C-alpha atoms as a PDB file:
ATOM      1  CA  UNK A   1     -18.891  16.625  -5.133  1.00  0.00           C
ATOM      2  CA  UNK A   2     -22.603  16.432  -5.909  1.00  0.00           C
ATOM      3  CA  UNK A   3     -21.868  13.824  -8.586  1.00  0.00           C
ATOM      4  CA  UNK A   4     -19.863  11.766  -6.094  1.00  0.00           C
ATOM      5  CA  UNK A   5     -22.645  11.739  -3.493  1.00  0.00           C
ATOM      6  CA  UNK A   6     -25.359  11.101  -6.060  1.00  0.00           C
ATOM      7  CA  UNK A   7     -23.400   8.192  -7.519  1.00  0.00           C
ATOM      8  CA  UNK A   8     -22.919   6.656  -4.089  1.00  0.00           C
ATOM      9  CA  UNK A   9     -26.614   6.977  -3.237  1.00  0.00           C
ATOM     10  CA  UNK A  10     -27.711   5.510  -6.574  1.00  0.00           C
ATOM     11  CA  UNK A  11     -25.283   2.602  -6.275  1.00  0.00           C
ATOM     12  CA  UNK A  12     -26.525   1.862  -2.774  1.00  0.00           C
ATOM     13  CA  UNK A  13     -30.162   1.710  -3.878  1.00  0.00           C
ATOM     14  CA  UNK A  14     -29.478  -0.342  -7.009  1.00  0.00           C
ATOM     15  CA  UNK A  15     -27.340  -2.840  -5.114  1.00  0.00           C
ATOM     16  CA  UNK A  16     -29.651  -3.082  -2.097  1.00  0.00           C
ATOM     17  CA  UNK A  17     -31.004  -6.521  -3.158  1.00  0.00           C
ATOM     18  CA  UNK A  18     -27.471  -7.896  -2.806  1.00  0.00           C
ATOM     19  CA  UNK A  19     -27.873  -7.635   0.972  1.00  0.00           C
ATOM     20  CA  UNK A  20     -30.543 -10.293   0.723  1.00  0.00           C
ATOM     21  CA  UNK A  21     -28.272 -12.678  -1.181  1.00  0.00           C
ATOM     22  CA  UNK A  22     -25.197 -13.083   0.992  1.00  0.00           C
ATOM     23  CA  UNK A  23     -22.878 -11.116   3.207  1.00  0.00           C
ATOM     24  CA  UNK A  24     -19.774 -11.856   1.061  1.00  0.00           C
ATOM     25  CA  UNK A  25     -21.609 -10.512  -1.984  1.00  0.00           C
ATOM     26  CA  UNK A  26     -22.668  -7.404  -0.062  1.00  0.00           C
ATOM     27  CA  UNK A  27     -19.079  -6.924   1.059  1.00  0.00           C
ATOM     28  CA  UNK A  28     -17.832  -7.077  -2.515  1.00  0.00           C
ATOM     29  CA  UNK A  29     -20.416  -4.517  -3.593  1.00  0.00           C
ATOM     30  CA  UNK A  30     -19.490  -2.209  -0.709  1.00  0.00           C
ATOM     31  CA  UNK A  31     -15.802  -2.366  -1.604  1.00  0.00           C
ATOM     32  CA  UNK A  32     -16.697  -1.759  -5.236  1.00  0.00           C
ATOM     33  CA  UNK A  33     -18.591   1.372  -4.244  1.00  0.00           C
ATOM     34  CA  UNK A  34     -15.585   2.611  -2.245  1.00  0.00           C
ATOM     35  CA  UNK A  35     -13.307   2.109  -5.248  1.00  0.00           C
ATOM     36  CA  UNK A  36     -15.848   3.951  -7.381  1.00  0.00           C
ATOM     37  CA  UNK A  37     -15.861   6.937  -5.023  1.00  0.00           C
ATOM     38  CA  UNK A  38     -12.058   7.041  -4.977  1.00  0.00           C
ATOM     39  CA  UNK A  39     -11.995   6.909  -8.783  1.00  0.00           C
ATOM     40  CA  UNK A  40     -14.526   9.729  -9.059  1.00  0.00           C
ATOM     41  CA  UNK A  41     -12.554  11.796  -6.535  1.00  0.00           C
ATOM     42  CA  UNK A  42      -9.471  11.449  -8.696  1.00  0.00           C
ATOM     43  CA  UNK A  43     -11.144  12.022 -12.068  1.00  0.00           C
ATOM     44  CA  UNK A  44     -13.583  14.786 -11.118  1.00  0.00           C
ATOM     45  CA  UNK A  45     -11.948  16.457  -8.133  1.00  0.00           C
ATOM     46  CA  UNK A  46      -8.276  15.932  -8.921  1.00  0.00           C
ATOM     47  CA  UNK A  47      -7.782  14.284  -5.535  1.00  0.00           C
ATOM     48  CA  UNK A  48      -5.078  11.631  -5.533  1.00  0.00           C
ATOM     49  CA  UNK A  49      -3.931   9.346  -2.727  1.00  0.00           C
ATOM     50  CA  UNK A  50      -0.330   8.529  -1.823  1.00  0.00           C
ATOM     51  CA  UNK A  51      -0.050   5.388   0.306  1.00  0.00           C
ATOM     52  CA  UNK A  52       3.191   5.204   2.265  1.00  0.00           C
ATOM     53  CA  UNK A  53       4.649   2.444   4.426  1.00  0.00           C
ATOM     54  CA  UNK A  54       2.811  -0.395   2.708  1.00  0.00           C
ATOM     55  CA  UNK A  55       5.466  -2.772   4.073  1.00  0.00           C
ATOM     56  CA  UNK A  56       3.861  -2.346   7.496  1.00  0.00           C
ATOM     57  CA  UNK A  57       0.540  -3.817   6.313  1.00  0.00           C
ATOM     58  CA  UNK A  58       0.565  -7.293   7.775  1.00  0.00           C
ATOM     59  CA  UNK A  59      -0.735 -10.527   6.292  1.00  0.00           C
ATOM     60  CA  UNK A  60      -1.680 -11.879   9.733  1.00  0.00           C
ATOM     61  CA  UNK A  61      -4.186 -10.225  12.112  1.00  0.00           C
ATOM     62  CA  UNK A  62      -3.130  -6.908  13.622  1.00  0.00           C
ATOM     63  CA  UNK A  63      -4.688  -3.774  15.073  1.00  0.00           C
ATOM     64  CA  UNK A  64      -4.609  -0.643  12.904  1.00  0.00           C
ATOM     65  CA  UNK A  65      -5.035   2.674  14.713  1.00  0.00           C
ATOM     66  CA  UNK A  66      -5.648   5.641  12.416  1.00  0.00           C
ATOM     67  CA  UNK A  67      -5.855   9.390  12.660  1.00  0.00           C
ATOM     68  CA  UNK A  68      -9.278  10.494  11.391  1.00  0.00           C
ATOM     69  CA  UNK A  69      -9.621  13.811   9.545  1.00  0.00           C
ATOM     70  CA  UNK A  70     -12.142  13.193   6.777  1.00  0.00           C
ATOM     71  CA  UNK A  71     -14.579  10.820   5.116  1.00  0.00           C
ATOM     72  CA  UNK A  72     -11.895   9.970   2.550  1.00  0.00           C
ATOM     73  CA  UNK A  73     -10.204   7.391   4.780  1.00  0.00           C
ATOM     74  CA  UNK A  74     -13.549   5.700   5.436  1.00  0.00           C
ATOM     75  CA  UNK A  75     -13.637   4.881   1.718  1.00  0.00           C
ATOM     76  CA  UNK A  76      -9.916   4.212   1.313  1.00  0.00           C
ATOM     77  CA  UNK A  77      -9.024   2.069   4.316  1.00  0.00           C
ATOM     78  CA  UNK A  78     -11.651  -0.646   3.682  1.00  0.00           C
ATOM     79  CA  UNK A  79     -10.104  -1.093   0.230  1.00  0.00           C
ATOM     80  CA  UNK A  80      -6.494  -1.141   1.438  1.00  0.00           C
ATOM     81  CA  UNK A  81      -7.252  -3.195   4.566  1.00  0.00           C
ATOM     82  CA  UNK A  82      -9.836  -5.480   3.028  1.00  0.00           C
ATOM     83  CA  UNK A  83      -9.272  -8.123   5.724  1.00  0.00           C
ATOM     84  CA  UNK A  84      -9.963  -5.760   8.627  1.00  0.00           C
ATOM     85  CA  UNK A  85     -13.132  -5.237  10.653  1.00  0.00           C
ATOM     86  CA  UNK A  86     -13.832  -1.643  11.691  1.00  0.00           C
ATOM     87  CA  UNK A  87     -14.670  -0.460  15.182  1.00  0.00           C
ATOM     88  CA  UNK A  88     -17.768   1.696  14.612  1.00  0.00           C
ATOM     89  CA  UNK A  89     -20.430   3.426  16.653  1.00  0.00           C
ATOM     90  CA  UNK A  90     -23.387   1.096  16.946  1.00  0.00           C
ATOM     91  CA  UNK A  91     -25.800   3.814  15.828  1.00  0.00           C
ATOM     92  CA  UNK A  92     -24.094   3.987  12.416  1.00  0.00           C
ATOM     93  CA  UNK A  93     -25.308   0.468  11.701  1.00  0.00           C
ATOM     94  CA  UNK A  94     -28.893   1.610  12.216  1.00  0.00           C
ATOM     95  CA  UNK A  95     -28.822   4.100   9.327  1.00  0.00           C
ATOM     96  CA  UNK A  96     -31.029   2.751   6.506  1.00  0.00           C
ATOM     97  CA  UNK A  97     -29.089   1.432   3.491  1.00  0.00           C
ATOM     98  CA  UNK A  98     -25.722   3.038   4.397  1.00  0.00           C
ATOM     99  CA  UNK A  99     -25.602   1.293   7.767  1.00  0.00           C
ATOM    100  CA  UNK A 100     -26.499  -2.029   6.218  1.00  0.00           C
ATOM    101  CA  UNK A 101     -23.595  -1.824   3.793  1.00  0.00           C
ATOM    102  CA  UNK A 102     -21.233  -0.698   6.569  1.00  0.00           C
ATOM    103  CA  UNK A 103     -22.227  -3.818   8.485  1.00  0.00           C
ATOM    104  CA  UNK A 104     -21.481  -5.928   5.403  1.00  0.00           C
ATOM    105  CA  UNK A 105     -17.848  -4.778   5.491  1.00  0.00           C
ATOM    106  CA  UNK A 106     -17.370  -6.433   8.860  1.00  0.00           C
ATOM    107  CA  UNK A 107     -17.589  -4.342  12.002  1.00  0.00           C
ATOM    108  CA  UNK A 108     -16.855  -4.333  15.701  1.00  0.00           C
ATOM    109  CA  UNK A 109     -19.779  -2.288  17.050  1.00  0.00           C
ATOM    110  CA  UNK A 110     -19.445  -0.233  20.205  1.00  0.00           C
ATOM    111  CA  UNK A 111     -22.076   1.598  22.244  1.00  0.00           C
ATOM    112  CA  UNK A 112     -20.370   4.811  23.312  1.00  0.00           C
ATOM    113  CA  UNK A 113     -22.775   5.326  26.179  1.00  0.00           C
ATOM    114  CA  UNK A 114     -22.501   1.785  27.478  1.00  0.00           C
ATOM    115  CA  UNK A 115     -19.457   2.194  29.743  1.00  0.00           C
ATOM    116  CA  UNK A 116     -17.695  -0.989  30.844  1.00  0.00           C
ATOM    117  CA  UNK A 117     -20.372  -3.204  29.337  1.00  0.00           C
ATOM    118  CA  UNK A 118     -19.789  -1.607  25.927  1.00  0.00           C
ATOM    119  CA  UNK A 119     -16.041  -2.193  26.235  1.00  0.00           C
ATOM    120  CA  UNK A 120     -16.597  -5.865  27.032  1.00  0.00           C
ATOM    121  CA  UNK A 121     -18.909  -6.184  24.049  1.00  0.00           C
ATOM    122  CA  UNK A 122     -16.350  -4.573  21.759  1.00  0.00           C
ATOM    123  CA  UNK A 123     -13.652  -6.975  22.941  1.00  0.00           C
ATOM    124  CA  UNK A 124     -15.948  -9.952  22.459  1.00  0.00           C
ATOM    125  CA  UNK A 125     -16.617  -8.960  18.844  1.00  0.00           C
ATOM    126  CA  UNK A 126     -12.935  -8.202  18.246  1.00  0.00           C
ATOM    127  CA  UNK A 127     -11.862 -11.631  19.523  1.00  0.00           C
ATOM    128  CA  UNK A 128     -14.321 -13.265  17.133  1.00  0.00           C
ATOM    129  CA  UNK A 129     -12.926 -11.241  14.231  1.00  0.00           C
ATOM    130  CA  UNK A 130      -9.340 -12.204  15.060  1.00  0.00           C
ATOM    131  CA  UNK A 131     -10.327 -15.855  15.476  1.00  0.00           C
ATOM    132  CA  UNK A 132     -11.699 -15.622  11.941  1.00  0.00           C
ATOM    133  CA  UNK A 133      -8.304 -14.380  10.714  1.00  0.00           C
ATOM    134  CA  UNK A 134      -9.308 -10.722  10.410  1.00  0.00           C
ATOM    135  CA  UNK A 135      -7.576  -7.565  11.632  1.00  0.00           C
ATOM    136  CA  UNK A 136      -9.132  -4.672  13.562  1.00  0.00           C
ATOM    137  CA  UNK A 137      -9.163  -1.010  12.539  1.00  0.00           C
ATOM    138  CA  UNK A 138      -9.963   1.695  15.083  1.00  0.00           C
ATOM    139  CA  UNK A 139      -9.937   5.496  15.102  1.00  0.00           C
ATOM    140  CA  UNK A 140      -8.614   6.187  18.633  1.00  0.00           C
ATOM    141  CA  UNK A 141      -9.967   9.745  18.740  1.00  0.00           C
ATOM    142  CA  UNK A 142     -13.439   8.432  18.003  1.00  0.00           C
ATOM    143  CA  UNK A 143     -14.369  11.168  15.533  1.00  0.00           C
ATOM    144  CA  UNK A 144     -12.933  13.356  12.810  1.00  0.00           C
ATOM    145  CA  UNK A 145     -10.553  16.187  13.728  1.00  0.00           C
ATOM    146  CA  UNK A 146      -9.380  19.216  11.778  1.00  0.00           C
ATOM    147  CA  UNK A 147      -5.830  19.088  10.360  1.00  0.00           C
ATOM    148  CA  UNK A 148      -3.393  19.995  13.115  1.00  0.00           C
ATOM    149  CA  UNK A 149      -5.954  19.428  15.867  1.00  0.00           C
ATOM    150  CA  UNK A 150      -5.876  16.690  18.484  1.00  0.00           C
ATOM    151  CA  UNK A 151      -8.510  14.981  20.595  1.00  0.00           C
ATOM    152  CA  UNK A 152      -7.976  12.650  23.555  1.00  0.00           C
ATOM    153  CA  UNK A 153      -7.360   9.040  22.562  1.00  0.00           C
ATOM    154  CA  UNK A 154     -10.132   6.825  23.936  1.00  0.00           C
ATOM    155  CA  UNK A 155      -9.254   3.761  26.056  1.00  0.00           C
ATOM    156  CA  UNK A 156     -10.756   1.290  23.579  1.00  0.00           C
ATOM    157  CA  UNK A 157      -7.531   1.049  21.598  1.00  0.00           C
ATOM    158  CA  UNK A 158      -5.546   0.242  24.750  1.00  0.00           C
ATOM    159  CA  UNK A 159      -8.107  -2.401  25.702  1.00  0.00           C
ATOM    160  CA  UNK A 160      -7.749  -4.040  22.278  1.00  0.00           C
ATOM    161  CA  UNK A 161      -3.946  -3.940  22.544  1.00  0.00           C
ATOM    162  CA  UNK A 162      -3.927  -5.554  25.997  1.00  0.00           C
ATOM    163  CA  UNK A 163      -6.655  -8.105  25.297  1.00  0.00           C
ATOM    164  CA  UNK A 164      -5.702  -9.311  21.824  1.00  0.00           C
ATOM    165  CA  UNK A 165      -1.915  -9.310  22.213  1.00  0.00           C
ATOM    166  CA  UNK A 166      -1.426  -8.125  18.621  1.00  0.00           C
ATOM    167  CA  UNK A 167       0.912  -5.549  17.068  1.00  0.00           C
ATOM    168  CA  UNK A 168      -0.627  -2.116  16.551  1.00  0.00           C
ATOM    169  CA  UNK A 169       0.119  -0.356  13.263  1.00  0.00           C
ATOM    170  CA  UNK A 170      -0.327   3.446  13.649  1.00  0.00           C
ATOM    171  CA  UNK A 171      -1.670   5.337  10.627  1.00  0.00           C
ATOM    172  CA  UNK A 172      -0.956   9.033  10.054  1.00  0.00           C
ATOM    173  CA  UNK A 173      -2.564  11.166   7.346  1.00  0.00           C
ATOM    174  CA  UNK A 174      -3.279  14.640   6.006  1.00  0.00           C
ATOM    175  CA  UNK A 175      -6.612  13.967   4.274  1.00  0.00           C
ATOM    176  CA  UNK A 176      -8.363  16.825   6.044  1.00  0.00           C
ATOM    177  CA  UNK A 177      -6.460  19.331   3.921  1.00  0.00           C
ATOM    178  CA  UNK A 178      -8.428  18.259   0.843  1.00  0.00           C
ATOM    179  CA  UNK A 179     -11.601  16.536   2.071  1.00  0.00           C
ATOM    180  CA  UNK A 180     -12.523  18.760   4.972  1.00  0.00           C
ATOM    181  CA  UNK A 181     -14.458  17.715   8.024  1.00  0.00           C
ATOM    182  CA  UNK A 182     -16.838  20.609   7.547  1.00  0.00           C
ATOM    183  CA  UNK A 183     -17.592  22.157   4.200  1.00  0.00           C
ATOM    184  CA  UNK A 184     -19.045  20.863   0.969  1.00  0.00           C
ATOM    185  CA  UNK A 185     -16.204  21.726  -1.403  1.00  0.00           C
ATOM    186  CA  UNK A 186     -13.316  19.296  -1.827  1.00  0.00           C
ATOM    187  CA  UNK A 187      -9.875  20.278  -3.092  1.00  0.00           C
ATOM    188  CA  UNK A 188      -7.449  18.870  -5.613  1.00  0.00           C
ATOM    189  CA  UNK A 189      -4.121  17.608  -4.340  1.00  0.00           C
ATOM    190  CA  UNK A 190      -2.416  14.533  -2.993  1.00  0.00           C
ATOM    191  CA  UNK A 191      -3.749  13.138   0.246  1.00  0.00           C
ATOM    192  CA  UNK A 192      -1.136  11.079   2.077  1.00  0.00           C
ATOM    193  CA  UNK A 193      -1.929   8.054   4.235  1.00  0.00           C
ATOM    194  CA  UNK A 194       1.139   6.619   5.987  1.00  0.00           C
ATOM    195  CA  UNK A 195       1.377   3.241   7.726  1.00  0.00           C
ATOM    196  CA  UNK A 196       3.983   3.517  10.491  1.00  0.00           C
ATOM    197  CA  UNK A 197       6.262   1.088  12.281  1.00  0.00           C
ATOM    198  CA  UNK A 198       4.177  -1.332  14.371  1.00  0.00           C
ATOM    199  CA  UNK A 199       4.051  -1.128  18.157  1.00  0.00           C
ATOM    200  CA  UNK A 200       4.713  -4.652  19.361  1.00  0.00           C
ATOM    201  CA  UNK A 201       2.791  -6.273  22.249  1.00  0.00           C
ATOM    202  CA  UNK A 202       4.126  -6.048  25.789  1.00  0.00           C
ATOM    203  CA  UNK A 203       3.924  -2.379  26.795  1.00  0.00           C
ATOM    204  CA  UNK A 204       1.889  -1.328  29.806  1.00  0.00           C
ATOM    205  CA  UNK A 205      -1.203   0.771  29.155  1.00  0.00           C
ATOM    206  CA  UNK A 206       0.362   4.154  29.853  1.00  0.00           C
ATOM    207  CA  UNK A 207       3.480   3.526  27.786  1.00  0.00           C
ATOM    208  CA  UNK A 208       1.415   2.171  24.911  1.00  0.00           C
ATOM    209  CA  UNK A 209      -0.983   5.121  24.808  1.00  0.00           C
ATOM    210  CA  UNK A 210       1.884   7.605  24.933  1.00  0.00           C
ATOM    211  CA  UNK A 211       3.778   5.811  22.175  1.00  0.00           C
ATOM    212  CA  UNK A 212       0.721   5.503  19.946  1.00  0.00           C
ATOM    213  CA  UNK A 213      -0.289   9.135  20.395  1.00  0.00           C
ATOM    214  CA  UNK A 214       3.216  10.455  19.805  1.00  0.00           C
ATOM    215  CA  UNK A 215       3.812   8.384  16.668  1.00  0.00           C
ATOM    216  CA  UNK A 216       0.507   9.274  15.016  1.00  0.00           C
ATOM    217  CA  UNK A 217       0.497  12.959  15.929  1.00  0.00           C
ATOM    218  CA  UNK A 218       4.169  13.517  15.129  1.00  0.00           C
ATOM    219  CA  UNK A 219       3.869  11.817  11.731  1.00  0.00           C
ATOM    220  CA  UNK A 220       0.592  13.591  10.912  1.00  0.00           C
ATOM    221  CA  UNK A 221       2.159  16.951  11.764  1.00  0.00           C
ATOM    222  CA  UNK A 222       5.073  16.127   9.477  1.00  0.00           C
ATOM    223  CA  UNK A 223       2.680  15.333   6.622  1.00  0.00           C
ATOM    224  CA  UNK A 224       0.878  18.647   7.169  1.00  0.00           C
ATOM    225  CA  UNK A 225       4.193  20.512   7.063  1.00  0.00           C
ATOM    226  CA  UNK A 226       5.017  18.848   3.737  1.00  0.00           C
ATOM    227  CA  UNK A 227       1.777  19.755   2.035  1.00  0.00           C
ATOM    228  CA  UNK A 228      -0.096  22.315   4.119  1.00  0.00           C
END
């Protein structure tokens, strides 16, 4: 794992001048670094990824709502969903070097302490992304959770669903079994990331949140039972 982190840090420093050239170039470098980390994880750690439900990845803009158990999906999903902008905490973008490359990927920043104003700002950025032909990815729980654990789903995902009028593709996973939320050591195995049947527009807020929660948590529990 030390080699993985050292490689990522070195690549970030070496490629830092790219940020001064153009945002598309910085985006390509950031995706390259994610692929590099995934390759190292496979070669050095024996950690493979099984992507399921690829047929649910849409060519037109959509909202992707993912379970979040580890840092692994933060490297993987930008590669798989290369035309998606990520909903991220605004403070992440202020981290030197790492935050600058995160911004290059395309983000929808949100100020968690900003209340209704923050929600309006998030929607404004999301509309601009969709108008540019890009999708939106959000982690509804807002932070990483241990395998088998649940946190309340934040209202931001429901606001995006109601405001944008796009299908929502739930994403279940079991990555936390191998790349743990806490702990330095990573484990060999096959991490599964599953794209589920989309939730189409038209549900009211309560029905949507219940459906999204149940699909993601039920599928994630099933993945844990397969491999845990």
